[in-house]
Amino acid sequence: MPADKFGFAAIQTVFEGASINTDDKPKLEQARYRLMIPFGHDVPPEG
């Protein structure tokens, strides 16, 4: 596959540990590992 047709993205999902897997964590992990890819965060449902 040509390099211009391939990409990465990271999505943080929260199944357990919602109190520590907060929406600020993806940006911290992105910086920690020097990843220049899009990051997203799946907000846990309330309740």
N, C-alpha and C. Protein backbone atom coordinates (compact mmCIF):
# COMPACT_ATOMS: atom_id res chain seq x y z
N MET A 1 0.84 -1.17 0.00
CA MET A 1 0.00 0.00 0.00
C MET A 1 0.90 1.24 0.00
N PRO A 2 0.61 2.22 -0.84
CA PRO A 2 1.42 3.44 -0.87
C PRO A 2 1.34 4.20 0.46
N ALA A 3 2.43 4.81 0.86
CA ALA A 3 2.51 5.51 2.14
C ALA A 3 1.48 6.62 2.26
N ASP A 4 1.11 7.26 1.17
CA ASP A 4 0.13 8.35 1.25
C ASP A 4 -1.30 7.85 1.37
N LYS A 5 -1.50 6.55 1.38
CA LYS A 5 -2.84 5.95 1.51
C LYS A 5 -3.01 5.23 2.84
N PHE A 6 -2.10 5.47 3.77
CA PHE A 6 -2.09 4.73 5.03
C PHE A 6 -1.94 5.71 6.18
N GLY A 7 -2.63 5.48 7.28
CA GLY A 7 -2.51 6.38 8.42
C GLY A 7 -2.86 5.69 9.72
N PHE A 8 -2.63 6.38 10.81
CA PHE A 8 -2.91 5.88 12.14
C PHE A 8 -3.76 6.89 12.90
N ALA A 9 -4.50 6.41 13.86
CA ALA A 9 -5.21 7.24 14.83
C ALA A 9 -5.31 6.42 16.11
N ALA A 10 -5.41 7.09 17.23
CA ALA A 10 -5.55 6.41 18.53
C ALA A 10 -6.83 6.88 19.18
N ILE A 11 -7.61 5.92 19.68
CA ILE A 11 -8.84 6.23 20.39
C ILE A 11 -8.76 5.59 21.78
N GLN A 12 -8.92 6.41 22.81
CA GLN A 12 -8.94 5.90 24.17
C GLN A 12 -10.38 5.60 24.53
N THR A 13 -10.64 4.35 24.86
CA THR A 13 -11.98 3.96 25.30
C THR A 13 -11.94 3.69 26.80
N VAL A 14 -13.03 3.96 27.46
CA VAL A 14 -13.08 3.83 28.91
C VAL A 14 -14.13 2.78 29.27
N PHE A 15 -13.65 1.60 29.66
CA PHE A 15 -14.54 0.55 30.13
C PHE A 15 -14.49 0.50 31.65
N GLU A 16 -13.29 0.52 32.17
CA GLU A 16 -13.07 0.55 33.61
C GLU A 16 -12.06 1.65 33.90
N GLY A 17 -12.08 2.15 35.10
CA GLY A 17 -11.10 3.18 35.46
C GLY A 17 -11.44 4.55 34.89
N ALA A 18 -12.72 4.85 34.77
CA ALA A 18 -13.12 6.14 34.22
C ALA A 18 -12.58 7.30 35.04
N SER A 19 -12.34 7.07 36.32
CA SER A 19 -11.83 8.14 37.17
C SER A 19 -10.38 8.50 36.85
N ILE A 20 -9.63 7.56 36.24
CA ILE A 20 -8.24 7.86 35.87
C ILE A 20 -8.05 7.99 34.37
N ASN A 21 -8.93 7.41 33.58
CA ASN A 21 -8.86 7.53 32.12
C ASN A 21 -9.69 8.74 31.67
N THR A 22 -9.23 9.91 32.05
CA THR A 22 -9.97 11.14 31.78
C THR A 22 -9.61 11.70 30.41
N ASP A 23 -10.35 12.71 29.98
CA ASP A 23 -10.16 13.23 28.62
C ASP A 23 -8.84 13.97 28.43
N ASP A 24 -8.08 14.22 29.50
CA ASP A 24 -6.77 14.84 29.35
C ASP A 24 -5.66 13.82 29.10
N LYS A 25 -5.93 12.55 29.33
CA LYS A 25 -4.91 11.50 29.21
C LYS A 25 -4.40 11.30 27.78
N PRO A 26 -5.25 11.31 26.76
CA PRO A 26 -4.71 11.09 25.42
C PRO A 26 -3.61 12.09 25.04
N LYS A 27 -3.78 13.35 25.37
CA LYS A 27 -2.77 14.35 25.02
C LYS A 27 -1.47 14.08 25.78
N LEU A 28 -1.57 13.64 27.03
CA LEU A 28 -0.38 13.31 27.81
C LEU A 28 0.36 12.11 27.20
N GLU A 29 -0.39 11.09 26.81
CA GLU A 29 0.23 9.91 26.18
C GLU A 29 0.82 10.26 24.82
N GLN A 30 0.15 11.11 24.09
CA GLN A 30 0.67 11.55 22.80
C GLN A 30 2.04 12.22 22.97
N ALA A 31 2.15 13.07 23.96
CA ALA A 31 3.43 13.75 24.22
C ALA A 31 4.47 12.77 24.77
N ARG A 32 4.04 11.90 25.67
CA ARG A 32 4.96 10.94 26.29
C ARG A 32 5.67 10.07 25.25
N TYR A 33 4.91 9.59 24.29
CA TYR A 33 5.46 8.69 23.28
C TYR A 33 5.80 9.40 21.97
N ARG A 34 5.68 10.74 21.97
CA ARG A 34 6.01 11.56 20.80
C ARG A 34 5.29 11.08 19.54
N LEU A 35 3.99 10.84 19.69
CA LEU A 35 3.18 10.37 18.58
C LEU A 35 2.50 11.54 17.89
N MET A 36 2.76 11.71 16.64
CA MET A 36 2.18 12.80 15.86
C MET A 36 1.01 12.28 15.03
N ILE A 37 0.08 11.63 15.72
CA ILE A 37 -1.12 11.10 15.08
C ILE A 37 -2.33 11.65 15.82
N PRO A 38 -3.50 11.65 15.20
CA PRO A 38 -4.70 12.12 15.90
C PRO A 38 -5.06 11.19 17.07
N PHE A 39 -5.48 11.80 18.16
CA PHE A 39 -5.95 11.06 19.33
C PHE A 39 -7.39 11.45 19.62
N GLY A 40 -8.17 10.50 20.08
CA GLY A 40 -9.55 10.76 20.47
C GLY A 40 -9.83 10.12 21.81
N HIS A 41 -10.92 10.52 22.42
CA HIS A 41 -11.32 10.01 23.74
C HIS A 41 -12.80 9.70 23.72
N ASP A 42 -13.15 8.47 24.07
CA ASP A 42 -14.54 8.05 24.14
C ASP A 42 -15.04 8.31 25.55
N VAL A 43 -15.92 9.29 25.70
CA VAL A 43 -16.44 9.66 27.01
C VAL A 43 -17.37 8.57 27.52
N PRO A 44 -17.15 8.11 28.78
CA PRO A 44 -18.03 7.07 29.32
C PRO A 44 -19.44 7.62 29.56
N PRO A 45 -20.44 6.76 29.43
CA PRO A 45 -21.81 7.22 29.70
C PRO A 45 -21.98 7.54 31.18
N GLU A 46 -22.85 8.49 31.45
CA GLU A 46 -23.13 8.84 32.84
C GLU A 46 -24.00 7.76 33.47
N GLY A 47 -23.80 7.57 34.77
CA GLY A 47 -24.65 6.63 35.49
C GLY A 47 -24.05 5.37 35.80
